[in-house]
Amino acid sequence: MAQVELTSKDIDTLQDILQNLLSELRWEIAFTHKTDIVKFLQKRKEFIEDFIQRLQKVKESETGKA
């Protein structure tokens, strides 16, 4: 497993970038008509949503917030 050290500010920045990407993906999913592409985009969206949550958990554990 690879590990990367991130500061709280790094996590915030990464979460903002990923949130913006999610917005774009939602738009793409809504206006894409090919089923295979929609499935691919939905899997990518789910991964990003999960990753944002994992980043938040790391941030909370590092800062002691629950």
PDB file of N, CA and C in Angstrom:
ATOM      1  N   MET A   1       0.851  -1.179   0.000  1.00  0.00           N
ATOM      2  CA  MET A   1       0.000   0.000   0.000  1.00  0.00           C
ATOM      3  C   MET A   1       0.894   1.240   0.000  1.00  0.00           C
ATOM      4  N   ALA A   2       0.586   2.155  -0.881  1.00  0.00           N
ATOM      5  CA  ALA A   2       1.323   3.411  -0.941  1.00  0.00           C
ATOM      6  C   ALA A   2       0.778   4.370   0.107  1.00  0.00           C
ATOM      7  N   GLN A   3       1.659   5.173   0.660  1.00  0.00           N
ATOM      8  CA  GLN A   3       1.245   6.176   1.634  1.00  0.00           C
ATOM      9  C   GLN A   3       1.802   7.528   1.230  1.00  0.00           C
ATOM     10  N   VAL A   4       0.989   8.547   1.468  1.00  0.00           N
ATOM     11  CA  VAL A   4       1.371   9.919   1.155  1.00  0.00           C
ATOM     12  C   VAL A   4       1.042  10.762   2.368  1.00  0.00           C
ATOM     13  N   GLU A   5       1.969  11.606   2.768  1.00  0.00           N
ATOM     14  CA  GLU A   5       1.699  12.507   3.889  1.00  0.00           C
ATOM     15  C   GLU A   5       1.071  13.788   3.355  1.00  0.00           C
ATOM     16  N   LEU A   6      -0.053  14.154   3.970  1.00  0.00           N
ATOM     17  CA  LEU A   6      -0.766  15.368   3.573  1.00  0.00           C
ATOM     18  C   LEU A   6      -1.041  16.219   4.798  1.00  0.00           C
ATOM     19  N   THR A   7      -0.887  17.510   4.650  1.00  0.00           N
ATOM     20  CA  THR A   7      -1.279  18.413   5.722  1.00  0.00           C
ATOM     21  C   THR A   7      -2.787  18.608   5.655  1.00  0.00           C
ATOM     22  N   SER A   8      -3.339  19.203   6.686  1.00  0.00           N
ATOM     23  CA  SER A   8      -4.768  19.494   6.703  1.00  0.00           C
ATOM     24  C   SER A   8      -5.129  20.414   5.532  1.00  0.00           C
ATOM     25  N   LYS A   9      -4.261  21.356   5.238  1.00  0.00           N
ATOM     26  CA  LYS A   9      -4.502  22.267   4.114  1.00  0.00           C
ATOM     27  C   LYS A   9      -4.460  21.505   2.787  1.00  0.00           C
ATOM     28  N   ASP A  10      -3.528  20.551   2.655  1.00  0.00           N
ATOM     29  CA  ASP A  10      -3.467  19.716   1.458  1.00  0.00           C
ATOM     30  C   ASP A  10      -4.774  18.948   1.266  1.00  0.00           C
ATOM     31  N   ILE A  11      -5.285  18.395   2.351  1.00  0.00           N
ATOM     32  CA  ILE A  11      -6.535  17.638   2.285  1.00  0.00           C
ATOM     33  C   ILE A  11      -7.683  18.543   1.865  1.00  0.00           C
ATOM     34  N   ASP A  12      -7.747  19.727   2.446  1.00  0.00           N
ATOM     35  CA  ASP A  12      -8.801  20.686   2.068  1.00  0.00           C
ATOM     36  C   ASP A  12      -8.736  21.006   0.574  1.00  0.00           C
ATOM     37  N   THR A  13      -7.545  21.267   0.085  1.00  0.00           N
ATOM     38  CA  THR A  13      -7.358  21.608  -1.323  1.00  0.00           C
ATOM     39  C   THR A  13      -7.747  20.436  -2.217  1.00  0.00           C
ATOM     40  N   LEU A  14      -7.306  19.253  -1.856  1.00  0.00           N
ATOM     41  CA  LEU A  14      -7.636  18.066  -2.625  1.00  0.00           C
ATOM     42  C   LEU A  14      -9.142  17.800  -2.622  1.00  0.00           C
ATOM     43  N   GLN A  15      -9.785  17.986  -1.473  1.00  0.00           N
ATOM     44  CA  GLN A  15     -11.234  17.810  -1.399  1.00  0.00           C
ATOM     45  C   GLN A  15     -11.953  18.826  -2.292  1.00  0.00           C
ATOM     46  N   ASP A  16     -11.493  20.064  -2.308  1.00  0.00           N
ATOM     47  CA  ASP A  16     -12.103  21.079  -3.173  1.00  0.00           C
ATOM     48  C   ASP A  16     -11.976  20.701  -4.647  1.00  0.00           C
ATOM     49  N   ILE A  17     -10.798  20.242  -5.029  1.00  0.00           N
ATOM     50  CA  ILE A  17     -10.563  19.831  -6.415  1.00  0.00           C
ATOM     51  C   ILE A  17     -11.490  18.669  -6.780  1.00  0.00           C
ATOM     52  N   LEU A  18     -11.572  17.693  -5.891  1.00  0.00           N
ATOM     53  CA  LEU A  18     -12.415  16.526  -6.149  1.00  0.00           C
ATOM     54  C   LEU A  18     -13.897  16.890  -6.178  1.00  0.00           C
ATOM     55  N   GLN A  19     -14.320  17.824  -5.319  1.00  0.00           N
ATOM     56  CA  GLN A  19     -15.721  18.275  -5.330  1.00  0.00           C
ATOM     57  C   GLN A  19     -16.057  18.935  -6.673  1.00  0.00           C
ATOM     58  N   ASN A  20     -15.128  19.734  -7.183  1.00  0.00           N
ATOM     59  CA  ASN A  20     -15.347  20.368  -8.489  1.00  0.00           C
ATOM     60  C   ASN A  20     -15.426  19.318  -9.590  1.00  0.00           C
ATOM     61  N   LEU A  21     -14.574  18.322  -9.510  1.00  0.00           N
ATOM     62  CA  LEU A  21     -14.604  17.244 -10.484  1.00  0.00           C
ATOM     63  C   LEU A  21     -15.922  16.483 -10.411  1.00  0.00           C
ATOM     64  N   LEU A  22     -16.433  16.269  -9.203  1.00  0.00           N
ATOM     65  CA  LEU A  22     -17.720  15.601  -9.037  1.00  0.00           C
ATOM     66  C   LEU A  22     -18.836  16.371  -9.729  1.00  0.00           C
ATOM     67  N   SER A  23     -18.826  17.671  -9.592  1.00  0.00           N
ATOM     68  CA  SER A  23     -19.845  18.500 -10.247  1.00  0.00           C
ATOM     69  C   SER A  23     -19.793  18.309 -11.759  1.00  0.00           C
ATOM     70  N   GLU A  24     -18.595  18.288 -12.312  1.00  0.00           N
ATOM     71  CA  GLU A  24     -18.437  18.093 -13.745  1.00  0.00           C
ATOM     72  C   GLU A  24     -18.890  16.697 -14.161  1.00  0.00           C
ATOM     73  N   LEU A  25     -18.545  15.696 -13.354  1.00  0.00           N
ATOM     74  CA  LEU A  25     -18.945  14.328 -13.665  1.00  0.00           C
ATOM     75  C   LEU A  25     -20.466  14.176 -13.647  1.00  0.00           C
ATOM     76  N   ARG A  26     -21.126  14.781 -12.679  1.00  0.00           N
ATOM     77  CA  ARG A  26     -22.587  14.710 -12.609  1.00  0.00           C
ATOM     78  C   ARG A  26     -23.216  15.294 -13.871  1.00  0.00           C
ATOM     79  N   TRP A  27     -22.658  16.393 -14.338  1.00  0.00           N
ATOM     80  CA  TRP A  27     -23.149  17.017 -15.561  1.00  0.00           C
ATOM     81  C   TRP A  27     -22.926  16.091 -16.751  1.00  0.00           C
ATOM     82  N   GLU A  28     -21.713  15.523 -16.838  1.00  0.00           N
ATOM     83  CA  GLU A  28     -21.411  14.605 -17.937  1.00  0.00           C
ATOM     84  C   GLU A  28     -22.335  13.397 -17.926  1.00  0.00           C
ATOM     85  N   ILE A  29     -22.576  12.836 -16.745  1.00  0.00           N
ATOM     86  CA  ILE A  29     -23.458  11.677 -16.621  1.00  0.00           C
ATOM     87  C   ILE A  29     -24.864  12.033 -17.093  1.00  0.00           C
ATOM     88  N   ALA A  30     -25.333  13.200 -16.699  1.00  0.00           N
ATOM     89  CA  ALA A  30     -26.688  13.619 -17.055  1.00  0.00           C
ATOM     90  C   ALA A  30     -26.870  13.794 -18.563  1.00  0.00           C
ATOM     91  N   PHE A  31     -25.816  14.192 -19.262  1.00  0.00           N
ATOM     92  CA  PHE A  31     -25.947  14.495 -20.684  1.00  0.00           C
ATOM     93  C   PHE A  31     -25.265  13.482 -21.598  1.00  0.00           C
ATOM     94  N   THR A  32     -24.853  12.341 -21.032  1.00  0.00           N
ATOM     95  CA  THR A  32     -24.253  11.281 -21.838  1.00  0.00           C
ATOM     96  C   THR A  32     -25.315  10.222 -22.099  1.00  0.00           C
ATOM     97  N   HIS A  33     -25.414   9.793 -23.326  1.00  0.00           N
ATOM     98  CA  HIS A  33     -26.470   8.862 -23.696  1.00  0.00           C
ATOM     99  C   HIS A  33     -25.954   7.437 -23.925  1.00  0.00           C
ATOM    100  N   LYS A  34     -24.659   7.253 -24.024  1.00  0.00           N
ATOM    101  CA  LYS A  34     -24.113   5.910 -24.234  1.00  0.00           C
ATOM    102  C   LYS A  34     -23.980   5.209 -22.886  1.00  0.00           C
ATOM    103  N   THR A  35     -24.638   4.073 -22.764  1.00  0.00           N
ATOM    104  CA  THR A  35     -24.713   3.347 -21.500  1.00  0.00           C
ATOM    105  C   THR A  35     -23.344   2.973 -20.961  1.00  0.00           C
ATOM    106  N   ASP A  36     -22.449   2.509 -21.820  1.00  0.00           N
ATOM    107  CA  ASP A  36     -21.133   2.092 -21.344  1.00  0.00           C
ATOM    108  C   ASP A  36     -20.334   3.265 -20.784  1.00  0.00           C
ATOM    109  N   ILE A  37     -20.476   4.420 -21.393  1.00  0.00           N
ATOM    110  CA  ILE A  37     -19.774   5.610 -20.899  1.00  0.00           C
ATOM    111  C   ILE A  37     -20.392   6.076 -19.583  1.00  0.00           C
ATOM    112  N   VAL A  38     -21.710   6.036 -19.485  1.00  0.00           N
ATOM    113  CA  VAL A  38     -22.392   6.421 -18.245  1.00  0.00           C
ATOM    114  C   VAL A  38     -21.939   5.519 -17.098  1.00  0.00           C
ATOM    115  N   LYS A  39     -21.863   4.219 -17.340  1.00  0.00           N
ATOM    116  CA  LYS A  39     -21.415   3.288 -16.299  1.00  0.00           C
ATOM    117  C   LYS A  39     -19.990   3.601 -15.859  1.00  0.00           C
ATOM    118  N   PHE A  40     -19.122   3.879 -16.826  1.00  0.00           N
ATOM    119  CA  PHE A  40     -17.739   4.236 -16.509  1.00  0.00           C
ATOM    120  C   PHE A  40     -17.689   5.501 -15.649  1.00  0.00           C
ATOM    121  N   LEU A  41     -18.448   6.517 -16.050  1.00  0.00           N
ATOM    122  CA  LEU A  41     -18.462   7.783 -15.315  1.00  0.00           C
ATOM    123  C   LEU A  41     -19.052   7.609 -13.917  1.00  0.00           C
ATOM    124  N   GLN A  42     -20.076   6.771 -13.785  1.00  0.00           N
ATOM    125  CA  GLN A  42     -20.675   6.534 -12.478  1.00  0.00           C
ATOM    126  C   GLN A  42     -19.691   5.834 -11.541  1.00  0.00           C
ATOM    127  N   LYS A  43     -18.926   4.882 -12.062  1.00  0.00           N
ATOM    128  CA  LYS A  43     -17.909   4.218 -11.237  1.00  0.00           C
ATOM    129  C   LYS A  43     -16.845   5.213 -10.789  1.00  0.00           C
ATOM    130  N   ARG A  44     -16.463   6.084 -11.693  1.00  0.00           N
ATOM    131  CA  ARG A  44     -15.479   7.114 -11.348  1.00  0.00           C
ATOM    132  C   ARG A  44     -16.040   8.044 -10.281  1.00  0.00           C
ATOM    133  N   LYS A  45     -17.309   8.424 -10.415  1.00  0.00           N
ATOM    134  CA  LYS A  45     -17.987   9.291  -9.448  1.00  0.00           C
ATOM    135  C   LYS A  45     -18.034   8.635  -8.073  1.00  0.00           C
ATOM    136  N   GLU A  46     -18.390   7.371  -8.026  1.00  0.00           N
ATOM    137  CA  GLU A  46     -18.448   6.645  -6.759  1.00  0.00           C
ATOM    138  C   GLU A  46     -17.073   6.573  -6.100  1.00  0.00           C
ATOM    139  N   PHE A  47     -16.031   6.336  -6.902  1.00  0.00           N
ATOM    140  CA  PHE A  47     -14.676   6.300  -6.358  1.00  0.00           C
ATOM    141  C   PHE A  47     -14.308   7.652  -5.743  1.00  0.00           C
ATOM    142  N   ILE A  48     -14.599   8.727  -6.448  1.00  0.00           N
ATOM    143  CA  ILE A  48     -14.253  10.064  -5.966  1.00  0.00           C
ATOM    144  C   ILE A  48     -15.014  10.390  -4.689  1.00  0.00           C
ATOM    145  N   GLU A  49     -16.309  10.050  -4.651  1.00  0.00           N
ATOM    146  CA  GLU A  49     -17.095  10.298  -3.441  1.00  0.00           C
ATOM    147  C   GLU A  49     -16.509   9.535  -2.251  1.00  0.00           C
ATOM    148  N   ASP A  50     -16.152   8.284  -2.475  1.00  0.00           N
ATOM    149  CA  ASP A  50     -15.550   7.479  -1.415  1.00  0.00           C
ATOM    150  C   ASP A  50     -14.204   8.063  -0.978  1.00  0.00           C
ATOM    151  N   PHE A  51     -13.414   8.501  -1.937  1.00  0.00           N
ATOM    152  CA  PHE A  51     -12.100   9.054  -1.621  1.00  0.00           C
ATOM    153  C   PHE A  51     -12.219  10.339  -0.809  1.00  0.00           C
ATOM    154  N   ILE A  52     -13.189  11.177  -1.139  1.00  0.00           N
ATOM    155  CA  ILE A  52     -13.430  12.402  -0.370  1.00  0.00           C
ATOM    156  C   ILE A  52     -13.767  12.048   1.079  1.00  0.00           C
ATOM    157  N   GLN A  53     -14.607  11.045   1.268  1.00  0.00           N
ATOM    158  CA  GLN A  53     -14.967  10.620   2.622  1.00  0.00           C
ATOM    159  C   GLN A  53     -13.755  10.077   3.372  1.00  0.00           C
ATOM    160  N   ARG A  54     -12.922   9.307   2.684  1.00  0.00           N
ATOM    161  CA  ARG A  54     -11.717   8.769   3.330  1.00  0.00           C
ATOM    162  C   ARG A  54     -10.755   9.888   3.716  1.00  0.00           C
ATOM    163  N   LEU A  55     -10.620  10.884   2.861  1.00  0.00           N
ATOM    164  CA  LEU A  55      -9.779  12.029   3.189  1.00  0.00           C
ATOM    165  C   LEU A  55     -10.306  12.753   4.421  1.00  0.00           C
ATOM    166  N   GLN A  56     -11.631  12.902   4.504  1.00  0.00           N
ATOM    167  CA  GLN A  56     -12.230  13.574   5.647  1.00  0.00           C
ATOM    168  C   GLN A  56     -11.951  12.809   6.937  1.00  0.00           C
ATOM    169  N   LYS A  57     -12.044  11.486   6.892  1.00  0.00           N
ATOM    170  CA  LYS A  57     -11.770  10.665   8.075  1.00  0.00           C
ATOM    171  C   LYS A  57     -10.317  10.819   8.522  1.00  0.00           C
ATOM    172  N   VAL A  58      -9.402  10.860   7.562  1.00  0.00           N
ATOM    173  CA  VAL A  58      -7.989  11.057   7.899  1.00  0.00           C
ATOM    174  C   VAL A  58      -7.796  12.412   8.542  1.00  0.00           C
ATOM    175  N   LYS A  59      -8.397  13.422   7.960  1.00  0.00           N
ATOM    176  CA  LYS A  59      -8.281  14.777   8.492  1.00  0.00           C
ATOM    177  C   LYS A  59      -8.821  14.852   9.916  1.00  0.00           C
ATOM    178  N   GLU A  60      -9.991  14.241  10.141  1.00  0.00           N
ATOM    179  CA  GLU A  60     -10.593  14.265  11.469  1.00  0.00           C
ATOM    180  C   GLU A  60      -9.749  13.493  12.479  1.00  0.00           C
ATOM    181  N   SER A  61      -9.173  12.393  12.069  1.00  0.00           N
ATOM    182  CA  SER A  61      -8.352  11.622  13.009  1.00  0.00           C
ATOM    183  C   SER A  61      -7.061  12.359  13.352  1.00  0.00           C
ATOM    184  N   GLU A  62      -6.547  13.124  12.393  1.00  0.00           N
ATOM    185  CA  GLU A  62      -5.321  13.877  12.636  1.00  0.00           C
ATOM    186  C   GLU A  62      -5.559  15.115  13.491  1.00  0.00           C
ATOM    187  N   THR A  63      -6.747  15.697  13.359  1.00  0.00           N
ATOM    188  CA  THR A  63      -7.027  16.923  14.108  1.00  0.00           C
ATOM    189  C   THR A  63      -7.805  16.653  15.393  1.00  0.00           C
ATOM    190  N   GLY A  64      -8.225  15.393  15.588  1.00  0.00           N
ATOM    191  CA  GLY A  64      -8.942  15.033  16.791  1.00  0.00           C
ATOM    192  C   GLY A  64     -10.410  15.382  16.760  1.00  0.00           C
ATOM    193  N   LYS A  65     -10.925  15.775  15.571  1.00  0.00           N
ATOM    194  CA  LYS A  65     -12.340  16.101  15.438  1.00  0.00           C
ATOM    195  C   LYS A  65     -13.115  14.821  15.194  1.00  0.00           C
ATOM    196  N   ALA A  66     -14.333  14.772  15.738  1.00  0.00           N
ATOM    197  CA  ALA A  66     -15.166  13.584  15.514  1.00  0.00           C
ATOM    198  C   ALA A  66     -16.334  13.920  14.632  1.00  0.00           C
TER     199      ALA A  66
END
